[in-house]
Amino acid sequence: MLPAALRRQLGMRPGDDLVVSEEVDGALRVESRSAAARALIGLAGPPADHSAVEELRTERRRETAGEDADAERLPWLPR
């Protein structure tokens, strides 16, 4: 059981899960599961400043525009 002051400092509520890990120097690290998840997400780097979906849409629009331009140069295709 953790002391109440420490639970308050960690922002813990009854029923919250904890992650306890040992550091290289032998110290114990205690954190909430949500804090541990945020730390792992942070390892992936800062959030992208663009949407991968939007990037794919932009690429597809460029491809479609090129296909339309190619079709315009082919006289035998109906318009």
C-alpha atoms as a PDB file:
ATOM      1  CA  MET A   1       0.000   0.000   0.000  1.00  0.00           C
ATOM      2  CA  LEU A   2       1.332   3.424  -0.913  1.00  0.00           C
ATOM      3  CA  PRO A   3       1.041   6.334   1.503  1.00  0.00           C
ATOM      4  CA  ALA A   4      -1.911   8.646   0.824  1.00  0.00           C
ATOM      5  CA  ALA A   5       0.363  11.651   0.178  1.00  0.00           C
ATOM      6  CA  LEU A   6       2.210   9.744  -2.549  1.00  0.00           C
ATOM      7  CA  ARG A   7      -1.053   8.530  -4.110  1.00  0.00           C
ATOM      8  CA  ARG A   8      -2.309  12.123  -4.214  1.00  0.00           C
ATOM      9  CA  GLN A   9       0.979  13.316  -5.733  1.00  0.00           C
ATOM     10  CA  LEU A  10       0.683  10.663  -8.440  1.00  0.00           C
ATOM     11  CA  GLY A  11      -2.948  11.613  -9.046  1.00  0.00           C
ATOM     12  CA  MET A  12      -4.031   8.078  -8.264  1.00  0.00           C
ATOM     13  CA  ARG A  13      -7.565   6.985  -7.523  1.00  0.00           C
ATOM     14  CA  PRO A  14      -8.831   3.750  -6.003  1.00  0.00           C
ATOM     15  CA  GLY A  15      -8.527   0.932  -8.516  1.00  0.00           C
ATOM     16  CA  ASP A  16      -5.845   2.614 -10.655  1.00  0.00           C
ATOM     17  CA  ASP A  17      -3.118   0.312 -11.952  1.00  0.00           C
ATOM     18  CA  LEU A  18       0.510   0.990 -11.151  1.00  0.00           C
ATOM     19  CA  VAL A  19       3.641   0.157 -13.071  1.00  0.00           C
ATOM     20  CA  VAL A  20       6.652  -0.537 -10.858  1.00  0.00           C
ATOM     21  CA  SER A  21       9.999  -0.898 -12.602  1.00  0.00           C
ATOM     22  CA  GLU A  22      13.599  -1.111 -11.486  1.00  0.00           C
ATOM     23  CA  GLU A  23      16.014   1.451 -12.869  1.00  0.00           C
ATOM     24  CA  VAL A  24      19.611   0.642 -13.849  1.00  0.00           C
ATOM     25  CA  ASP A  25      20.876   1.980 -10.535  1.00  0.00           C
ATOM     26  CA  GLY A  26      18.486  -0.255  -8.565  1.00  0.00           C
ATOM     27  CA  ALA A  27      15.989   2.511  -7.755  1.00  0.00           C
ATOM     28  CA  LEU A  28      12.313   1.649  -8.054  1.00  0.00           C
ATOM     29  CA  ARG A  29      10.117   3.711 -10.335  1.00  0.00           C
ATOM     30  CA  VAL A  30       6.400   3.886  -9.502  1.00  0.00           C
ATOM     31  CA  GLU A  31       4.006   5.447 -11.985  1.00  0.00           C
ATOM     32  CA  SER A  32       0.399   5.151 -13.014  1.00  0.00           C
ATOM     33  CA  ARG A  33      -0.314   3.000 -16.024  1.00  0.00           C
ATOM     34  CA  SER A  34      -1.523   6.065 -17.952  1.00  0.00           C
ATOM     35  CA  ALA A  35       1.727   7.939 -17.169  1.00  0.00           C
ATOM     36  CA  ALA A  36       3.728   4.916 -18.348  1.00  0.00           C
ATOM     37  CA  ALA A  37       1.691   4.819 -21.578  1.00  0.00           C
ATOM     38  CA  ARG A  38       2.265   8.548 -22.168  1.00  0.00           C
ATOM     39  CA  ALA A  39       6.001   8.021 -21.662  1.00  0.00           C
ATOM     40  CA  LEU A  40       6.032   5.217 -24.229  1.00  0.00           C
ATOM     41  CA  ILE A  41       4.122   7.337 -26.715  1.00  0.00           C
ATOM     42  CA  GLY A  42       6.650  10.113 -26.115  1.00  0.00           C
ATOM     43  CA  LEU A  43       9.459   7.763 -27.169  1.00  0.00           C
ATOM     44  CA  ALA A  44       7.991   7.754 -30.675  1.00  0.00           C
ATOM     45  CA  GLY A  45       8.865  11.430 -30.992  1.00  0.00           C
ATOM     46  CA  PRO A  46       6.740  14.517 -31.320  1.00  0.00           C
ATOM     47  CA  PRO A  47       3.371  14.190 -33.016  1.00  0.00           C
ATOM     48  CA  ALA A  48       3.439  14.618 -36.764  1.00  0.00           C
ATOM     49  CA  ASP A  49       2.545  18.075 -37.983  1.00  0.00           C
ATOM     50  CA  HIS A  50       0.563  16.566 -40.824  1.00  0.00           C
ATOM     51  CA  SER A  51      -2.015  13.867 -41.310  1.00  0.00           C
ATOM     52  CA  ALA A  52      -0.919  10.697 -43.092  1.00  0.00           C
ATOM     53  CA  VAL A  53      -4.451  10.395 -44.477  1.00  0.00           C
ATOM     54  CA  GLU A  54      -4.315  13.924 -45.872  1.00  0.00           C
ATOM     55  CA  GLU A  55      -0.907  13.193 -47.375  1.00  0.00           C
ATOM     56  CA  LEU A  56      -2.339  10.137 -49.164  1.00  0.00           C
ATOM     57  CA  ARG A  57      -5.312  12.166 -50.411  1.00  0.00           C
ATOM     58  CA  THR A  58      -2.994  14.860 -51.773  1.00  0.00           C
ATOM     59  CA  GLU A  59      -0.852  12.252 -53.504  1.00  0.00           C
ATOM     60  CA  ARG A  60      -3.924  10.620 -55.048  1.00  0.00           C
ATOM     61  CA  ARG A  61      -5.208  14.017 -56.285  1.00  0.00           C
ATOM     62  CA  ARG A  62      -1.845  14.586 -58.007  1.00  0.00           C
ATOM     63  CA  GLU A  63      -2.005  11.144 -59.600  1.00  0.00           C
ATOM     64  CA  THR A  64      -5.572  11.730 -60.776  1.00  0.00           C
ATOM     65  CA  ALA A  65      -4.631  15.107 -62.262  1.00  0.00           C
ATOM     66  CA  GLY A  66      -1.776  13.438 -64.160  1.00  0.00           C
ATOM     67  CA  GLU A  67      -4.105  10.700 -65.409  1.00  0.00           C
ATOM     68  CA  ASP A  68      -6.616  13.335 -66.568  1.00  0.00           C
ATOM     69  CA  ALA A  69      -3.858  15.228 -68.400  1.00  0.00           C
ATOM     70  CA  ASP A  70      -2.741  12.008 -70.094  1.00  0.00           C
ATOM     71  CA  ALA A  71      -6.321  11.273 -71.151  1.00  0.00           C
ATOM     72  CA  GLU A  72      -6.632  14.742 -72.705  1.00  0.00           C
ATOM     73  CA  ARG A  73      -3.660  13.970 -74.975  1.00  0.00           C
ATOM     74  CA  LEU A  74      -5.236  10.775 -76.308  1.00  0.00           C
ATOM     75  CA  PRO A  75      -7.516  11.754 -79.194  1.00  0.00           C
ATOM     76  CA  TRP A  76      -9.300   8.409 -79.517  1.00  0.00           C
ATOM     77  CA  LEU A  77     -10.749   8.440 -75.984  1.00  0.00           C
ATOM     78  CA  PRO A  78     -14.325   9.716 -75.736  1.00  0.00           C
ATOM     79  CA  ARG A  79     -14.778  12.864 -73.659  1.00  0.00           C
END
